[in-house]
Amino acid sequence: MILEQLVVGMLQTNCYLLGDEPTRQAVVIDPGGDAARIIKRLQQLDVTLAAILTTHGHFDSVKDKIFPMDDATRVLPGHGPETTVGREKRTNPFF
């Protein structure tokens, strides 16, 4: 297992890289900024990004990272059923 903590973004929040060594798949948890740094570290670890997980809704996590994604991107909010970025844009006033 790969587990690393990075302090990122203007809010200096904790971001975690969690990877599976046998499959080389990884998830990024709470990427609050410094995308280039996170991507570089994933490359250094030689892992493929499988998912981005957010545990809260700071503007640095949601607006700048999720809103620009393709409308078909799956969202697993943790507080309700699976949705998509497009559906959230259309129906969620807090998105």
Foldseek 3Di string as FASTA:
>chain_A
DDWDWDQDDPVRDIKIWDADVVQLEIEIEQHLHPVVVVVVVSVVSSHHYDYYHYDDDDCSRDVVPFLPDDQQDWDDPVPDHIDGSVVCVVPPPVD
